[in-house]
Amino acid sequence: VVEAASDKKAEDILVMNVSEVTTIADLFVILSG
């Protein structure tokens, strides 16, 4: 995901490990365009 987003010039990419605080997912990727 980070690689694909970077290829499209995404900015301020953040990957967070949310596995201990929610059951929604293991990782969130937050980014801006």
ModelCIF file with pLDDT and N, C-alpha, C, O atoms, coordinates in Angstrom:
data_MODEL
#
_entry.id   MODEL 
#
_entity.id                         1 
_entity.type                       polymer 
_entity.pdbx_number_of_molecules   1 
#
_entity_poly.entity_id                      1 
_entity_poly.type                           'polypeptide(L)' 
_entity_poly.nstd_linkage                   no 
_entity_poly.nstd_monomer                   no 
_entity_poly.pdbx_seq_one_letter_code       VVEAASDKKAEDILVMNVSEVTTIADLFVILSG 
_entity_poly.pdbx_seq_one_letter_code_can   VVEAASDKKAEDILVMNVSEVTTIADLFVILSG 
_entity_poly.pdbx_strand_id                 A 
#
loop_
_entity_poly_seq.entity_id 
_entity_poly_seq.num 
_entity_poly_seq.mon_id 
_entity_poly_seq.hetero 
1 1  VAL n 
1 2  VAL n 
1 3  GLU n 
1 4  ALA n 
1 5  ALA n 
1 6  SER n 
1 7  ASP n 
1 8  LYS n 
1 9  LYS n 
1 10 ALA n 
1 11 GLU n 
1 12 ASP n 
1 13 ILE n 
1 14 LEU n 
1 15 VAL n 
1 16 MET n 
1 17 ASN n 
1 18 VAL n 
1 19 SER n 
1 20 GLU n 
1 21 VAL n 
1 22 THR n 
1 23 THR n 
1 24 ILE n 
1 25 ALA n 
1 26 ASP n 
1 27 LEU n 
1 28 PHE n 
1 29 VAL n 
1 30 ILE n 
1 31 LEU n 
1 32 SER n 
1 33 GLY n 
#
_struct_asym.id          A 
_struct_asym.entity_id   1 
#
loop_
_ma_qa_metric.id 
_ma_qa_metric.mode 
_ma_qa_metric.name 
_ma_qa_metric.software_group_id 
_ma_qa_metric.type 
1 global pLDDT . pLDDT 
2 local  pLDDT . pLDDT 
#
_ma_qa_metric_global.metric_id      1 
_ma_qa_metric_global.metric_value   96.61 
_ma_qa_metric_global.model_id       1 
_ma_qa_metric_global.ordinal_id     1 
#
loop_
_ma_qa_metric_local.label_asym_id 
_ma_qa_metric_local.label_comp_id 
_ma_qa_metric_local.label_seq_id 
_ma_qa_metric_local.metric_id 
_ma_qa_metric_local.metric_value 
_ma_qa_metric_local.model_id 
_ma_qa_metric_local.ordinal_id 
A VAL 1  2 98.00 1 1  
A VAL 2  2 98.00 1 2  
A GLU 3  2 98.00 1 3  
A ALA 4  2 98.00 1 4  
A ALA 5  2 98.00 1 5  
A SER 6  2 98.00 1 6  
A ASP 7  2 97.00 1 7  
A LYS 8  2 97.00 1 8  
A LYS 9  2 98.00 1 9  
A ALA 10 2 98.00 1 10 
A GLU 11 2 97.00 1 11 
A ASP 12 2 97.00 1 12 
A ILE 13 2 98.00 1 13 
A LEU 14 2 97.00 1 14 
A VAL 15 2 98.00 1 15 
A MET 16 2 98.00 1 16 
A ASN 17 2 97.00 1 17 
A VAL 18 2 97.00 1 18 
A SER 19 2 95.00 1 19 
A GLU 20 2 93.00 1 20 
A VAL 21 2 91.00 1 21 
A THR 22 2 90.00 1 22 
A THR 23 2 91.00 1 23 
A ILE 24 2 92.00 1 24 
A ALA 25 2 96.00 1 25 
A ASP 26 2 97.00 1 26 
A LEU 27 2 98.00 1 27 
A PHE 28 2 98.00 1 28 
A VAL 29 2 98.00 1 29 
A ILE 30 2 98.00 1 30 
A LEU 31 2 98.00 1 31 
A SER 32 2 98.00 1 32 
A GLY 33 2 98.00 1 33 
#
loop_
_atom_site.group_PDB 
_atom_site.id 
_atom_site.type_symbol 
_atom_site.label_atom_id 
_atom_site.label_alt_id 
_atom_site.label_comp_id 
_atom_site.label_asym_id 
_atom_site.label_entity_id 
_atom_site.label_seq_id 
_atom_site.pdbx_PDB_ins_code 
_atom_site.Cartn_x 
_atom_site.Cartn_y 
_atom_site.Cartn_z 
_atom_site.occupancy 
_atom_site.B_iso_or_equiv 
_atom_site.pdbx_formal_charge 
_atom_site.auth_seq_id 
_atom_site.auth_comp_id 
_atom_site.auth_asym_id 
_atom_site.auth_atom_id 
_atom_site.pdbx_PDB_model_num 
ATOM 1   N N  . VAL A 1 1  ? 0.838   -1.203 0.000  1.00 98.00 ? 1  VAL A N  1 
ATOM 2   C CA . VAL A 1 1  ? 0.000   0.000  0.000  1.00 98.00 ? 1  VAL A CA 1 
ATOM 3   C C  . VAL A 1 1  ? 0.870   1.249  0.000  1.00 98.00 ? 1  VAL A C  1 
ATOM 4   O O  . VAL A 1 1  ? 0.624   2.179  -0.769 1.00 98.00 ? 1  VAL A O  1 
ATOM 5   N N  . VAL A 1 2  ? 1.878   1.275  0.852  1.00 98.00 ? 2  VAL A N  1 
ATOM 6   C CA . VAL A 1 2  ? 2.779   2.429  0.941  1.00 98.00 ? 2  VAL A CA 1 
ATOM 7   C C  . VAL A 1 2  ? 3.478   2.648  -0.395 1.00 98.00 ? 2  VAL A C  1 
ATOM 8   O O  . VAL A 1 2  ? 3.601   3.784  -0.852 1.00 98.00 ? 2  VAL A O  1 
ATOM 9   N N  . GLU A 1 3  ? 3.930   1.582  -1.014 1.00 98.00 ? 3  GLU A N  1 
ATOM 10  C CA . GLU A 1 3  ? 4.601   1.693  -2.312 1.00 98.00 ? 3  GLU A CA 1 
ATOM 11  C C  . GLU A 1 3  ? 3.649   2.233  -3.376 1.00 98.00 ? 3  GLU A C  1 
ATOM 12  O O  . GLU A 1 3  ? 4.017   3.122  -4.145 1.00 98.00 ? 3  GLU A O  1 
ATOM 13  N N  . ALA A 1 4  ? 2.431   1.703  -3.425 1.00 98.00 ? 4  ALA A N  1 
ATOM 14  C CA . ALA A 1 4  ? 1.447   2.169  -4.413 1.00 98.00 ? 4  ALA A CA 1 
ATOM 15  C C  . ALA A 1 4  ? 1.091   3.633  -4.174 1.00 98.00 ? 4  ALA A C  1 
ATOM 16  O O  . ALA A 1 4  ? 0.977   4.411  -5.121 1.00 98.00 ? 4  ALA A O  1 
ATOM 17  N N  . ALA A 1 5  ? 0.918   4.003  -2.918 1.00 98.00 ? 5  ALA A N  1 
ATOM 18  C CA . ALA A 1 5  ? 0.587   5.396  -2.589 1.00 98.00 ? 5  ALA A CA 1 
ATOM 19  C C  . ALA A 1 5  ? 1.747   6.330  -2.929 1.00 98.00 ? 5  ALA A C  1 
ATOM 20  O O  . ALA A 1 5  ? 1.537   7.425  -3.451 1.00 98.00 ? 5  ALA A O  1 
ATOM 21  N N  . SER A 1 6  ? 2.960   5.895  -2.633 1.00 98.00 ? 6  SER A N  1 
ATOM 22  C CA . SER A 1 6  ? 4.142   6.707  -2.948 1.00 98.00 ? 6  SER A CA 1 
ATOM 23  C C  . SER A 1 6  ? 4.277   6.921  -4.443 1.00 98.00 ? 6  SER A C  1 
ATOM 24  O O  . SER A 1 6  ? 4.670   8.001  -4.885 1.00 98.00 ? 6  SER A O  1 
ATOM 25  N N  . ASP A 1 7  ? 3.954   5.902  -5.225 1.00 97.00 ? 7  ASP A N  1 
ATOM 26  C CA . ASP A 1 7  ? 4.016   6.028  -6.681 1.00 97.00 ? 7  ASP A CA 1 
ATOM 27  C C  . ASP A 1 7  ? 3.070   7.110  -7.195 1.00 97.00 ? 7  ASP A C  1 
ATOM 28  O O  . ASP A 1 7  ? 3.308   7.695  -8.252 1.00 97.00 ? 7  ASP A O  1 
ATOM 29  N N  . LYS A 1 8  ? 1.994   7.377  -6.444 1.00 97.00 ? 8  LYS A N  1 
ATOM 30  C CA . LYS A 1 8  ? 1.019   8.407  -6.826 1.00 97.00 ? 8  LYS A CA 1 
ATOM 31  C C  . LYS A 1 8  ? 1.250   9.707  -6.063 1.00 97.00 ? 8  LYS A C  1 
ATOM 32  O O  . LYS A 1 8  ? 0.380   10.576 -6.016 1.00 97.00 ? 8  LYS A O  1 
ATOM 33  N N  . LYS A 1 9  ? 2.442   9.828  -5.463 1.00 98.00 ? 9  LYS A N  1 
ATOM 34  C CA . LYS A 1 9  ? 2.877   11.047 -4.773 1.00 98.00 ? 9  LYS A CA 1 
ATOM 35  C C  . LYS A 1 9  ? 2.082   11.372 -3.512 1.00 98.00 ? 9  LYS A C  1 
ATOM 36  O O  . LYS A 1 9  ? 1.884   12.543 -3.188 1.00 98.00 ? 9  LYS A O  1 
ATOM 37  N N  . ALA A 1 10 ? 1.623   10.336 -2.795 1.00 98.00 ? 10 ALA A N  1 
ATOM 38  C CA . ALA A 1 10 ? 0.962   10.558 -1.510 1.00 98.00 ? 10 ALA A CA 1 
ATOM 39  C C  . ALA A 1 10 ? 1.953   11.211 -0.547 1.00 98.00 ? 10 ALA A C  1 
ATOM 40  O O  . ALA A 1 10 ? 3.167   11.044 -0.667 1.00 98.00 ? 10 ALA A O  1 
ATOM 41  N N  . GLU A 1 11 ? 1.408   11.950 0.400  1.00 97.00 ? 11 GLU A N  1 
ATOM 42  C CA . GLU A 1 11 ? 2.224   12.668 1.363  1.00 97.00 ? 11 GLU A CA 1 
ATOM 43  C C  . GLU A 1 11 ? 1.914   12.197 2.777  1.00 97.00 ? 11 GLU A C  1 
ATOM 44  O O  . GLU A 1 11 ? 0.830   11.684 3.055  1.00 97.00 ? 11 GLU A O  1 
ATOM 45  N N  . ASP A 1 12 ? 2.884   12.381 3.661  1.00 97.00 ? 12 ASP A N  1 
ATOM 46  C CA . ASP A 1 12 ? 2.733   12.098 5.087  1.00 97.00 ? 12 ASP A CA 1 
ATOM 47  C C  . ASP A 1 12 ? 2.058   10.747 5.330  1.00 97.00 ? 12 ASP A C  1 
ATOM 48  O O  . ASP A 1 12 ? 0.988   10.669 5.933  1.00 97.00 ? 12 ASP A O  1 
ATOM 49  N N  . ILE A 1 13 ? 2.702   9.698  4.853  1.00 98.00 ? 13 ILE A N  1 
ATOM 50  C CA . ILE A 1 13 ? 2.170   8.338  4.986  1.00 98.00 ? 13 ILE A CA 1 
ATOM 51  C C  . ILE A 1 13 ? 2.559   7.791  6.362  1.00 98.00 ? 13 ILE A C  1 
ATOM 52  O O  . ILE A 1 13 ? 3.717   7.856  6.774  1.00 98.00 ? 13 ILE A O  1 
ATOM 53  N N  . LEU A 1 14 ? 1.563   7.257  7.050  1.00 97.00 ? 14 LEU A N  1 
ATOM 54  C CA . LEU A 1 14 ? 1.766   6.738  8.391  1.00 97.00 ? 14 LEU A CA 1 
ATOM 55  C C  . LEU A 1 14 ? 1.151   5.344  8.473  1.00 97.00 ? 14 LEU A C  1 
ATOM 56  O O  . LEU A 1 14 ? 0.000   5.150  8.083  1.00 97.00 ? 14 LEU A O  1 
ATOM 57  N N  . VAL A 1 15 ? 1.907   4.381  8.976  1.00 98.00 ? 15 VAL A N  1 
ATOM 58  C CA . VAL A 1 15 ? 1.389   3.031  9.220  1.00 98.00 ? 15 VAL A CA 1 
ATOM 59  C C  . VAL A 1 15 ? 1.375   2.838  10.729 1.00 98.00 ? 15 VAL A C  1 
ATOM 60  O O  . VAL A 1 15 ? 2.394   2.993  11.401 1.00 98.00 ? 15 VAL A O  1 
ATOM 61  N N  . MET A 1 16 ? 0.188   2.495  11.252 1.00 98.00 ? 16 MET A N  1 
ATOM 62  C CA . MET A 1 16 ? 0.011   2.306  12.690 1.00 98.00 ? 16 MET A CA 1 
ATOM 63  C C  . MET A 1 16 ? -0.429  0.874  12.978 1.00 98.00 ? 16 MET A C  1 
ATOM 64  O O  . MET A 1 16 ? -1.268  0.320  12.268 1.00 98.00 ? 16 MET A O  1 
ATOM 65  N N  . ASN A 1 17 ? 0.136   0.285  14.011 1.00 97.00 ? 17 ASN A N  1 
ATOM 66  C CA . ASN A 1 17 ? -0.266  -1.048 14.444 1.00 97.00 ? 17 ASN A CA 1 
ATOM 67  C C  . ASN A 1 17 ? -1.418  -0.883 15.435 1.00 97.00 ? 17 ASN A C  1 
ATOM 68  O O  . ASN A 1 17 ? -1.202  -0.536 16.596 1.00 97.00 ? 17 ASN A O  1 
ATOM 69  N N  . VAL A 1 18 ? -2.626  -1.131 14.973 1.00 97.00 ? 18 VAL A N  1 
ATOM 70  C CA . VAL A 1 18 ? -3.822  -0.950 15.800 1.00 97.00 ? 18 VAL A CA 1 
ATOM 71  C C  . VAL A 1 18 ? -4.329  -2.275 16.372 1.00 97.00 ? 18 VAL A C  1 
ATOM 72  O O  . VAL A 1 18 ? -5.404  -2.315 16.971 1.00 97.00 ? 18 VAL A O  1 
ATOM 73  N N  . SER A 1 19 ? -3.581  -3.340 16.198 1.00 95.00 ? 19 SER A N  1 
ATOM 74  C CA . SER A 1 19 ? -4.046  -4.675 16.597 1.00 95.00 ? 19 SER A CA 1 
ATOM 75  C C  . SER A 1 19 ? -4.319  -4.804 18.096 1.00 95.00 ? 19 SER A C  1 
ATOM 76  O O  . SER A 1 19 ? -5.137  -5.627 18.506 1.00 95.00 ? 19 SER A O  1 
ATOM 77  N N  . GLU A 1 20 ? -3.651  -4.011 18.902 1.00 93.00 ? 20 GLU A N  1 
ATOM 78  C CA . GLU A 1 20 ? -3.847  -4.095 20.357 1.00 93.00 ? 20 GLU A CA 1 
ATOM 79  C C  . GLU A 1 20 ? -4.941  -3.171 20.862 1.00 93.00 ? 20 GLU A C  1 
ATOM 80  O O  . GLU A 1 20 ? -5.348  -3.272 22.020 1.00 93.00 ? 20 GLU A O  1 
ATOM 81  N N  . VAL A 1 21 ? -5.426  -2.265 20.009 1.00 91.00 ? 21 VAL A N  1 
ATOM 82  C CA . VAL A 1 21 ? -6.422  -1.286 20.466 1.00 91.00 ? 21 VAL A CA 1 
ATOM 83  C C  . VAL A 1 21 ? -7.776  -1.427 19.774 1.00 91.00 ? 21 VAL A C  1 
ATOM 84  O O  . VAL A 1 21 ? -8.738  -0.768 20.168 1.00 91.00 ? 21 VAL A O  1 
ATOM 85  N N  . THR A 1 22 ? -7.866  -2.278 18.746 1.00 90.00 ? 22 THR A N  1 
ATOM 86  C CA . THR A 1 22 ? -9.134  -2.489 18.056 1.00 90.00 ? 22 THR A CA 1 
ATOM 87  C C  . THR A 1 22 ? -9.124  -3.836 17.344 1.00 90.00 ? 22 THR A C  1 
ATOM 88  O O  . THR A 1 22 ? -8.064  -4.392 17.054 1.00 90.00 ? 22 THR A O  1 
ATOM 89  N N  . THR A 1 23 ? -10.293 -4.341 17.072 1.00 91.00 ? 23 THR A N  1 
ATOM 90  C CA . THR A 1 23 ? -10.409 -5.580 16.295 1.00 91.00 ? 23 THR A CA 1 
ATOM 91  C C  . THR A 1 23 ? -10.707 -5.289 14.827 1.00 91.00 ? 23 THR A C  1 
ATOM 92  O O  . THR A 1 23 ? -10.882 -6.215 14.036 1.00 91.00 ? 23 THR A O  1 
ATOM 93  N N  . ILE A 1 24 ? -10.764 -4.032 14.466 1.00 92.00 ? 24 ILE A N  1 
ATOM 94  C CA . ILE A 1 24 ? -11.090 -3.637 13.092 1.00 92.00 ? 24 ILE A CA 1 
ATOM 95  C C  . ILE A 1 24 ? -10.052 -4.149 12.098 1.00 92.00 ? 24 ILE A C  1 
ATOM 96  O O  . ILE A 1 24 ? -10.397 -4.650 11.028 1.00 92.00 ? 24 ILE A O  1 
ATOM 97  N N  . ALA A 1 25 ? -8.790  -4.018 12.460 1.00 96.00 ? 25 ALA A N  1 
ATOM 98  C CA . ALA A 1 25 ? -7.688  -4.374 11.559 1.00 96.00 ? 25 ALA A CA 1 
ATOM 99  C C  . ALA A 1 25 ? -6.418  -4.515 12.381 1.00 96.00 ? 25 ALA A C  1 
ATOM 100 O O  . ALA A 1 25 ? -6.386  -4.177 13.564 1.00 96.00 ? 25 ALA A O  1 
ATOM 101 N N  . ASP A 1 26 ? -5.374  -5.019 11.738 1.00 97.00 ? 26 ASP A N  1 
ATOM 102 C CA . ASP A 1 26 ? -4.062  -5.066 12.377 1.00 97.00 ? 26 ASP A CA 1 
ATOM 103 C C  . ASP A 1 26 ? -3.303  -3.755 12.168 1.00 97.00 ? 26 ASP A C  1 
ATOM 104 O O  . ASP A 1 26 ? -2.638  -3.253 13.074 1.00 97.00 ? 26 ASP A O  1 
ATOM 105 N N  . LEU A 1 27 ? -3.418  -3.216 10.960 1.00 98.00 ? 27 LEU A N  1 
ATOM 106 C CA . LEU A 1 27 ? -2.680  -2.006 10.615 1.00 98.00 ? 27 LEU A CA 1 
ATOM 107 C C  . LEU A 1 27 ? -3.595  -0.987 9.948  1.00 98.00 ? 27 LEU A C  1 
ATOM 108 O O  . LEU A 1 27 ? -4.469  -1.347 9.161  1.00 98.00 ? 27 LEU A O  1 
ATOM 109 N N  . PHE A 1 28 ? -3.388  0.278  10.267 1.00 98.00 ? 28 PHE A N  1 
ATOM 110 C CA . PHE A 1 28 ? -4.004  1.386  9.545  1.00 98.00 ? 28 PHE A CA 1 
ATOM 111 C C  . PHE A 1 28 ? -2.897  2.055  8.744  1.00 98.00 ? 28 PHE A C  1 
ATOM 112 O O  . PHE A 1 28 ? -1.789  2.249  9.243  1.00 98.00 ? 28 PHE A O  1 
ATOM 113 N N  . VAL A 1 29 ? -3.200  2.405  7.510  1.00 98.00 ? 29 VAL A N  1 
ATOM 114 C CA . VAL A 1 29 ? -2.326  3.251  6.717  1.00 98.00 ? 29 VAL A CA 1 
ATOM 115 C C  . VAL A 1 29 ? -3.091  4.552  6.522  1.00 98.00 ? 29 VAL A C  1 
ATOM 116 O O  . VAL A 1 29 ? -4.190  4.562  5.970  1.00 98.00 ? 29 VAL A O  1 
ATOM 117 N N  . ILE A 1 30 ? -2.499  5.647  6.981  1.00 98.00 ? 30 ILE A N  1 
ATOM 118 C CA . ILE A 1 30 ? -3.110  6.972  6.887  1.00 98.00 ? 30 ILE A CA 1 
ATOM 119 C C  . ILE A 1 30 ? -2.205  7.810  6.001  1.00 98.00 ? 30 ILE A C  1 
ATOM 120 O O  . ILE A 1 30 ? -0.989  7.840  6.193  1.00 98.00 ? 30 ILE A O  1 
ATOM 121 N N  . LEU A 1 31 ? -2.806  8.495  5.021  1.00 98.00 ? 31 LEU A N  1 
ATOM 122 C CA . LEU A 1 31 ? -2.006  9.268  4.078  1.00 98.00 ? 31 LEU A CA 1 
ATOM 123 C C  . LEU A 1 31 ? -2.807  10.437 3.548  1.00 98.00 ? 31 LEU A C  1 
ATOM 124 O O  . LEU A 1 31 ? -4.024  10.508 3.721  1.00 98.00 ? 31 LEU A O  1 
ATOM 125 N N  . SER A 1 32 ? -2.109  11.349 2.903  1.00 98.00 ? 32 SER A N  1 
ATOM 126 C CA . SER A 1 32 ? -2.749  12.527 2.331  1.00 98.00 ? 32 SER A CA 1 
ATOM 127 C C  . SER A 1 32 ? -2.387  12.694 0.866  1.00 98.00 ? 32 SER A C  1 
ATOM 128 O O  . SER A 1 32 ? -1.321  12.281 0.411  1.00 98.00 ? 32 SER A O  1 
ATOM 129 N N  . GLY A 1 33 ? -3.310  13.312 0.146  1.00 98.00 ? 33 GLY A N  1 
ATOM 130 C CA . GLY A 1 33 ? -3.072  13.794 -1.207 1.00 98.00 ? 33 GLY A CA 1 
ATOM 131 C C  . GLY A 1 33 ? -3.390  15.280 -1.215 1.00 98.00 ? 33 GLY A C  1 
ATOM 132 O O  . GLY A 1 33 ? -3.269  15.932 -2.252 1.00 98.00 ? 33 GLY A O  1 
#
